């Protein structure tokens, strides 16, 4: 399995997490009981499917080995394995973060004109 995954986060929620040292997940994450993440190969489709039209997003690159026992790889409805974190995401596991803007089609895109996903 890969050692890095990505989490799209509302910018205000990420700023609040910085104050507490951990991100507890979005409302959807908390309802599902785990924090949803995606690999680089899954990221563009996940963003298009679940975040299209959303403003003020941050793309967080997560160091998976730093998550320990709370990390589980679980199959989606389509059978692809996705990294899920059972518990809060410690900010110490965030390797980087990038602000995202919306592309013309409403899908998330890197600010500043960077093309492509990680």
Protein backbone atom coordinates (compact mmCIF):
# COMPACT_ATOMS: atom_id res chain seq x y z
CA UNK A 1 0.00 0.00 0.00
CA UNK A 2 1.01 3.60 -0.52
CA UNK A 3 2.55 5.61 2.31
CA UNK A 4 0.70 8.82 1.43
CA UNK A 5 -2.98 9.68 1.13
CA UNK A 6 -4.92 12.90 0.67
CA UNK A 7 -7.78 14.54 2.49
CA UNK A 8 -9.85 17.42 1.15
CA UNK A 9 -10.85 19.66 4.04
CA UNK A 10 -12.90 22.83 4.39
CA UNK A 11 -10.39 25.61 4.99
CA UNK A 12 -12.17 26.91 8.12
CA UNK A 13 -12.32 23.39 9.60
CA UNK A 14 -8.61 22.91 8.93
CA UNK A 15 -7.77 26.23 10.61
CA UNK A 16 -9.84 25.17 13.65
CA UNK A 17 -7.99 21.84 13.74
CA UNK A 18 -4.67 23.67 13.91
CA UNK A 19 -5.72 25.22 17.20
CA UNK A 20 -6.48 21.80 18.69
CA UNK A 21 -3.68 19.80 17.08
CA UNK A 22 -5.99 17.30 15.34
CA UNK A 23 -8.72 17.18 12.72
CA UNK A 24 -11.85 15.35 13.85
CA UNK A 25 -13.29 15.01 10.35
CA UNK A 26 -16.10 16.57 8.39
CA UNK A 27 -19.76 16.07 9.24
CA UNK A 28 -19.81 13.17 6.73
CA UNK A 29 -16.69 11.64 8.30
CA UNK A 30 -18.16 11.83 11.79
CA UNK A 31 -21.47 10.35 10.61
CA UNK A 32 -19.62 7.44 8.94
CA UNK A 33 -17.38 6.88 11.96
CA UNK A 34 -14.05 7.42 10.19
CA UNK A 35 -12.12 10.03 8.21
CA UNK A 36 -12.28 9.45 4.45
CA UNK A 37 -9.04 9.80 2.51
CA UNK A 38 -7.94 8.95 -1.03
CA UNK A 39 -4.76 7.83 -2.73
CA UNK A 40 -3.25 9.92 -5.53
CA UNK A 41 -4.90 7.62 -8.08
CA UNK A 42 -8.33 8.07 -6.47
CA UNK A 43 -8.11 11.76 -5.65
CA UNK A 44 -9.36 13.43 -8.83
CA UNK A 45 -12.47 11.25 -9.05
CA UNK A 46 -13.20 11.59 -5.34
CA UNK A 47 -12.86 15.36 -5.60
CA UNK A 48 -15.12 15.51 -8.63
CA UNK A 49 -17.71 13.25 -7.07
CA UNK A 50 -17.81 14.62 -3.53
CA UNK A 51 -16.45 18.18 -3.63
CA UNK A 52 -17.54 19.71 -6.94
CA UNK A 53 -18.78 23.24 -6.44
CA UNK A 54 -17.26 23.54 -2.95
CA UNK A 55 -15.30 26.69 -2.19
CA UNK A 56 -12.48 27.15 0.33
CA UNK A 57 -10.88 23.71 0.24
CA UNK A 58 -7.46 22.59 1.41
CA UNK A 59 -5.74 19.47 0.09
CA UNK A 60 -3.83 17.81 2.93
CA UNK A 61 -1.12 15.26 2.15
CA UNK A 62 -1.12 12.68 4.96
CA UNK A 63 1.78 10.46 6.06
CA UNK A 64 -0.04 7.14 6.52
CA UNK A 65 2.56 5.33 8.66
CA UNK A 66 2.20 8.14 11.22
CA UNK A 67 -1.45 7.17 11.74
CA UNK A 68 -0.74 3.81 13.37
CA UNK A 69 -3.49 1.35 14.25
CA UNK A 70 -6.35 3.70 13.41
CA UNK A 71 -5.68 3.38 9.68
CA UNK A 72 -7.62 0.73 7.77
CA UNK A 73 -7.81 0.00 4.04
CA UNK A 74 -11.43 -0.71 3.16
CA UNK A 75 -13.23 -1.46 -0.08
CA UNK A 76 -15.59 1.07 -1.61
CA UNK A 77 -18.80 0.12 -3.37
CA UNK A 78 -16.74 -0.29 -6.56
CA UNK A 79 -14.18 -2.50 -4.83
CA UNK A 80 -11.27 -0.03 -4.75
CA UNK A 81 -9.43 0.12 -1.43
CA UNK A 82 -9.54 3.48 0.32
CA UNK A 83 -7.62 4.57 3.42
CA UNK A 84 -9.95 5.28 6.34
CA UNK A 85 -8.82 6.70 9.67
CA UNK A 86 -10.72 5.63 12.77
CA UNK A 87 -9.95 8.48 15.10
CA UNK A 88 -8.75 12.06 14.74
CA UNK A 89 -6.12 13.02 12.18
CA UNK A 90 -3.14 14.43 14.09
CA UNK A 91 -1.75 17.54 12.42
CA UNK A 92 1.71 16.05 12.91
CA UNK A 93 0.79 13.50 10.19
CA UNK A 94 0.12 16.29 7.65
CA UNK A 95 3.12 16.41 5.30
CA UNK A 96 1.83 19.37 3.32
CA UNK A 97 -1.26 21.35 2.52
CA UNK A 98 -2.39 23.26 -0.57
CA UNK A 99 -5.25 25.63 -1.09
CA UNK A 100 -7.64 24.63 -3.85
CA UNK A 101 -9.80 26.72 -6.13
CA UNK A 102 -12.59 25.66 -8.47
CA UNK A 103 -11.89 24.91 -12.13
CA UNK A 104 -14.31 26.11 -14.80
CA UNK A 105 -16.25 22.83 -14.57
CA UNK A 106 -16.72 23.24 -10.79
CA UNK A 107 -14.19 20.59 -9.80
CA UNK A 108 -11.43 21.40 -7.28
CA UNK A 109 -8.16 22.61 -8.82
CA UNK A 110 -4.88 23.85 -7.40
CA UNK A 111 -4.72 27.61 -6.87
CA UNK A 112 -2.04 29.44 -8.78
CA UNK A 113 -2.52 27.47 -11.98
CA UNK A 114 -0.73 24.26 -10.99
CA UNK A 115 -2.11 21.46 -13.10
CA UNK A 116 -2.86 17.88 -12.25
CA UNK A 117 -3.23 16.10 -8.99
CA UNK A 118 -0.39 14.75 -6.89
